[in-house]
Amino acid sequence: MVVVRHDSRHPDSPLHPSHPGNALVDAVAKTDAAVLVTKNVNSAFYGEPDLHAWLQERGIDELVVCGIQTNMCVETTARMAGNLGYDVTVVLDATRTFDLEQVIPGVGVVRRTAAELMASTALVLQGGDFARIATTADFATA
């Protein structure tokens, strides 16, 4: 298992290493992870150690991705993994995100609920052939 932690470079971010929000939740911290990748951008493939090299050294070509934020880090990591040739499955109900509202120039105010963002991520990942979408139940019966 690979665990990825976002170490923000922004001192005010809750994900900055000096803040409690940077800590892994107990369920993840207590796992016997083979490697901890730390990153400061959306993709786990731009972290330390080099995830792609680590996977290649071990002959790993299938990835199961879960985590936070569905439409940010999970989606970006899954897209990059697909582009790098990995067989990727995203376990959608093992991801989470948050409602999002932004003012977009030329568009106006755009609002999406977490459920809408998760559905959009599933649509583009599977529809774009980056990853399969699965549920935790799919893995419980496998």
C-alpha atoms as a PDB file:
ATOM      1  CA  MET A   1       0.000   0.000   0.000  1.00  0.00           C
ATOM      2  CA  VAL A   2       1.135   3.499  -0.850  1.00  0.00           C
ATOM      3  CA  VAL A   3       0.044   6.387   1.376  1.00  0.00           C
ATOM      4  CA  VAL A   4       0.165   9.899  -0.010  1.00  0.00           C
ATOM      5  CA  ARG A   5       0.131  13.047   2.132  1.00  0.00           C
ATOM      6  CA  HIS A   6      -0.279  16.587   0.860  1.00  0.00           C
ATOM      7  CA  ASP A   7       2.292  18.873   2.514  1.00  0.00           C
ATOM      8  CA  SER A   8       1.178  22.355   1.511  1.00  0.00           C
ATOM      9  CA  ARG A   9       3.846  25.023   1.087  1.00  0.00           C
ATOM     10  CA  HIS A  10       1.370  27.720   2.146  1.00  0.00           C
ATOM     11  CA  PRO A  11       1.847  28.492   5.863  1.00  0.00           C
ATOM     12  CA  ASP A  12      -1.857  29.301   6.360  1.00  0.00           C
ATOM     13  CA  SER A  13      -3.105  26.075   4.751  1.00  0.00           C
ATOM     14  CA  PRO A  14      -4.543  23.441   7.102  1.00  0.00           C
ATOM     15  CA  LEU A  15      -2.403  20.972   5.126  1.00  0.00           C
ATOM     16  CA  HIS A  16       0.853  22.753   5.952  1.00  0.00           C
ATOM     17  CA  PRO A  17       3.129  20.404   7.970  1.00  0.00           C
ATOM     18  CA  SER A  18       2.950  22.744  10.986  1.00  0.00           C
ATOM     19  CA  HIS A  19      -0.848  22.339  11.265  1.00  0.00           C
ATOM     20  CA  PRO A  20      -2.865  19.432  12.725  1.00  0.00           C
ATOM     21  CA  GLY A  21      -4.773  19.042   9.427  1.00  0.00           C
ATOM     22  CA  ASN A  22      -1.589  17.700   7.858  1.00  0.00           C
ATOM     23  CA  ALA A  23      -1.579  14.620  10.075  1.00  0.00           C
ATOM     24  CA  LEU A  24      -2.799  11.342   8.639  1.00  0.00           C
ATOM     25  CA  VAL A  25      -6.021  10.053  10.190  1.00  0.00           C
ATOM     26  CA  ASP A  26      -5.451   7.132  12.564  1.00  0.00           C
ATOM     27  CA  ALA A  27      -6.911   4.528  10.182  1.00  0.00           C
ATOM     28  CA  VAL A  28      -4.310   5.506   7.566  1.00  0.00           C
ATOM     29  CA  ALA A  29      -1.438   6.255   9.949  1.00  0.00           C
ATOM     30  CA  LYS A  30      -1.726   2.781  11.499  1.00  0.00           C
ATOM     31  CA  THR A  31      -1.580   0.923   8.178  1.00  0.00           C
ATOM     32  CA  ASP A  32       1.527  -0.943   7.183  1.00  0.00           C
ATOM     33  CA  ALA A  33       2.227   1.240   4.147  1.00  0.00           C
ATOM     34  CA  ALA A  34       5.120   0.211   1.945  1.00  0.00           C
ATOM     35  CA  VAL A  35       5.916   3.853   1.228  1.00  0.00           C
ATOM     36  CA  LEU A  36       4.773   7.353   2.185  1.00  0.00           C
ATOM     37  CA  VAL A  37       4.763   9.805  -0.701  1.00  0.00           C
ATOM     38  CA  THR A  38       4.681  13.475   0.255  1.00  0.00           C
ATOM     39  CA  LYS A  39       3.556  16.032  -2.305  1.00  0.00           C
ATOM     40  CA  ASN A  40       2.584  19.692  -2.537  1.00  0.00           C
ATOM     41  CA  VAL A  41       0.565  19.602  -5.774  1.00  0.00           C
ATOM     42  CA  ASN A  42      -2.523  17.659  -6.875  1.00  0.00           C
ATOM     43  CA  SER A  43      -0.802  14.592  -8.338  1.00  0.00           C
ATOM     44  CA  ALA A  44       0.882  11.893  -6.285  1.00  0.00           C
ATOM     45  CA  PHE A  45       3.205  11.436  -9.267  1.00  0.00           C
ATOM     46  CA  TYR A  46       4.884  14.756  -8.393  1.00  0.00           C
ATOM     47  CA  GLY A  47       5.961  13.799  -4.898  1.00  0.00           C
ATOM     48  CA  GLU A  48       8.851  12.313  -2.960  1.00  0.00           C
ATOM     49  CA  PRO A  49       9.843   9.624  -3.420  1.00  0.00           C
ATOM     50  CA  ASP A  50       9.113   9.418  -7.149  1.00  0.00           C
ATOM     51  CA  LEU A  51       5.958   7.273  -7.227  1.00  0.00           C
ATOM     52  CA  HIS A  52       6.275   6.242 -10.872  1.00  0.00           C
ATOM     53  CA  ALA A  53       9.862   5.042 -10.355  1.00  0.00           C
ATOM     54  CA  TRP A  54       8.895   3.250  -7.132  1.00  0.00           C
ATOM     55  CA  LEU A  55       6.033   1.417  -8.860  1.00  0.00           C
ATOM     56  CA  GLN A  56       8.145   0.558 -11.915  1.00  0.00           C
ATOM     57  CA  GLU A  57      10.959  -0.861  -9.754  1.00  0.00           C
ATOM     58  CA  ARG A  58       8.432  -3.264  -8.225  1.00  0.00           C
ATOM     59  CA  GLY A  59       6.692  -4.198 -11.480  1.00  0.00           C
ATOM     60  CA  ILE A  60       3.383  -2.753 -10.296  1.00  0.00           C
ATOM     61  CA  ASP A  61       1.056  -1.861 -13.158  1.00  0.00           C
ATOM     62  CA  GLU A  62      -2.377  -1.886 -11.493  1.00  0.00           C
ATOM     63  CA  LEU A  63      -3.467   0.901  -9.135  1.00  0.00           C
ATOM     64  CA  VAL A  64      -6.513   1.315  -6.921  1.00  0.00           C
ATOM     65  CA  VAL A  65      -6.974   4.950  -5.951  1.00  0.00           C
ATOM     66  CA  CYS A  66      -9.024   6.406  -3.104  1.00  0.00           C
ATOM     67  CA  GLY A  67      -8.762   9.445  -0.846  1.00  0.00           C
ATOM     68  CA  ILE A  68      -9.473  13.143  -0.674  1.00  0.00           C
ATOM     69  CA  GLN A  69     -10.277  15.282  -2.714  1.00  0.00           C
ATOM     70  CA  THR A  70     -12.193  13.374  -5.381  1.00  0.00           C
ATOM     71  CA  ASN A  71     -12.164  16.118  -8.016  1.00  0.00           C
ATOM     72  CA  MET A  72      -8.682  17.378  -7.227  1.00  0.00           C
ATOM     73  CA  CYS A  73      -5.925  15.018  -6.030  1.00  0.00           C
ATOM     74  CA  VAL A  74      -7.725  11.738  -6.723  1.00  0.00           C
ATOM     75  CA  GLU A  75      -8.759  12.778 -10.229  1.00  0.00           C
ATOM     76  CA  THR A  76      -5.368  14.271 -11.110  1.00  0.00           C
ATOM     77  CA  THR A  77      -3.475  11.231  -9.826  1.00  0.00           C
ATOM     78  CA  ALA A  78      -5.811   8.837 -11.680  1.00  0.00           C
ATOM     79  CA  ARG A  79      -5.486  10.803 -14.941  1.00  0.00           C
ATOM     80  CA  MET A  80      -1.698  10.815 -14.719  1.00  0.00           C
ATOM     81  CA  ALA A  81      -1.618   7.121 -13.834  1.00  0.00           C
ATOM     82  CA  GLY A  82      -3.788   6.346 -16.840  1.00  0.00           C
ATOM     83  CA  ASN A  83      -1.559   8.440 -19.077  1.00  0.00           C
ATOM     84  CA  LEU A  84       1.493   6.622 -17.726  1.00  0.00           C
ATOM     85  CA  GLY A  85      -0.065   3.293 -18.741  1.00  0.00           C
ATOM     86  CA  TYR A  86      -1.269   1.972 -15.401  1.00  0.00           C
ATOM     87  CA  ASP A  87      -4.486  -0.040 -15.129  1.00  0.00           C
ATOM     88  CA  VAL A  88      -6.362   2.287 -12.767  1.00  0.00           C
ATOM     89  CA  THR A  89      -9.471   1.766 -10.658  1.00  0.00           C
ATOM     90  CA  VAL A  90     -10.927   4.601  -8.585  1.00  0.00           C
ATOM     91  CA  VAL A  91     -13.071   3.437  -5.663  1.00  0.00           C
ATOM     92  CA  LEU A  92     -15.507   6.324  -5.773  1.00  0.00           C
ATOM     93  CA  ASP A  93     -17.240   5.751  -2.437  1.00  0.00           C
ATOM     94  CA  ALA A  94     -13.802   5.686  -0.789  1.00  0.00           C
ATOM     95  CA  THR A  95     -13.186   9.270  -1.916  1.00  0.00           C
ATOM     96  CA  ARG A  96     -14.563  12.529  -0.598  1.00  0.00           C
ATOM     97  CA  THR A  97     -14.795  16.118  -1.692  1.00  0.00           C
ATOM     98  CA  PHE A  98     -16.567  19.318  -0.730  1.00  0.00           C
ATOM     99  CA  ASP A  99     -19.074  21.682  -2.296  1.00  0.00           C
ATOM    100  CA  LEU A 100     -17.367  24.190  -4.559  1.00  0.00           C
ATOM    101  CA  GLU A 101     -18.333  27.682  -5.680  1.00  0.00           C
ATOM    102  CA  GLN A 102     -16.215  29.935  -7.856  1.00  0.00           C
ATOM    103  CA  VAL A 103     -16.674  33.038  -9.968  1.00  0.00           C
ATOM    104  CA  ILE A 104     -15.380  32.120 -13.402  1.00  0.00           C
ATOM    105  CA  PRO A 105     -14.619  34.970 -15.848  1.00  0.00           C
ATOM    106  CA  GLY A 106     -16.967  34.830 -18.806  1.00  0.00           C
ATOM    107  CA  VAL A 107     -19.157  32.240 -17.095  1.00  0.00           C
ATOM    108  CA  GLY A 108     -20.269  33.751 -13.811  1.00  0.00           C
ATOM    109  CA  VAL A 109     -20.841  32.012 -10.504  1.00  0.00           C
ATOM    110  CA  VAL A 110     -20.529  28.250 -10.773  1.00  0.00           C
ATOM    111  CA  ARG A 111     -21.716  26.052  -7.891  1.00  0.00           C
ATOM    112  CA  ARG A 112     -21.402  22.289  -7.625  1.00  0.00           C
ATOM    113  CA  THR A 113     -22.277  20.043  -4.727  1.00  0.00           C
ATOM    114  CA  ALA A 114     -19.843  17.405  -3.548  1.00  0.00           C
ATOM    115  CA  ALA A 115     -22.105  14.734  -5.065  1.00  0.00           C
ATOM    116  CA  GLU A 116     -22.111  16.541  -8.428  1.00  0.00           C
ATOM    117  CA  LEU A 117     -18.328  16.882  -8.367  1.00  0.00           C
ATOM    118  CA  MET A 118     -17.905  13.194  -7.538  1.00  0.00           C
ATOM    119  CA  ALA A 119     -20.251  12.226 -10.378  1.00  0.00           C
ATOM    120  CA  SER A 120     -18.382  14.491 -12.801  1.00  0.00           C
ATOM    121  CA  THR A 121     -15.048  12.993 -11.776  1.00  0.00           C
ATOM    122  CA  ALA A 122     -16.430   9.480 -12.297  1.00  0.00           C
ATOM    123  CA  LEU A 123     -17.790  10.483 -15.698  1.00  0.00           C
ATOM    124  CA  VAL A 124     -14.577  12.024 -17.020  1.00  0.00           C
ATOM    125  CA  LEU A 125     -12.259   9.367 -15.601  1.00  0.00           C
ATOM    126  CA  GLN A 126     -14.245   6.443 -16.954  1.00  0.00           C
ATOM    127  CA  GLY A 127     -15.509   8.214 -20.071  1.00  0.00           C
ATOM    128  CA  GLY A 128     -12.009   9.436 -20.902  1.00  0.00           C
ATOM    129  CA  ASP A 129     -10.573   5.931 -20.421  1.00  0.00           C
ATOM    130  CA  PHE A 130      -8.296   7.063 -17.590  1.00  0.00           C
ATOM    131  CA  ALA A 131      -9.753   4.691 -14.983  1.00  0.00           C
ATOM    132  CA  ARG A 132     -12.555   2.316 -14.117  1.00  0.00           C
ATOM    133  CA  ILE A 133     -14.942   3.406 -11.395  1.00  0.00           C
ATOM    134  CA  ALA A 134     -15.765   0.903  -8.663  1.00  0.00           C
ATOM    135  CA  THR A 135     -17.316   0.781  -5.203  1.00  0.00           C
ATOM    136  CA  THR A 136     -15.970  -0.645  -1.971  1.00  0.00           C
ATOM    137  CA  ALA A 137     -18.606  -3.393  -2.322  1.00  0.00           C
ATOM    138  CA  ASP A 138     -16.937  -4.430  -5.596  1.00  0.00           C
ATOM    139  CA  PHE A 139     -13.759  -5.095  -3.634  1.00  0.00           C
ATOM    140  CA  ALA A 140     -15.502  -6.741  -0.697  1.00  0.00           C
ATOM    141  CA  THR A 141     -16.800  -9.462  -3.009  1.00  0.00           C
ATOM    142  CA  ALA A 142     -13.607  -9.841  -5.028  1.00  0.00           C
END
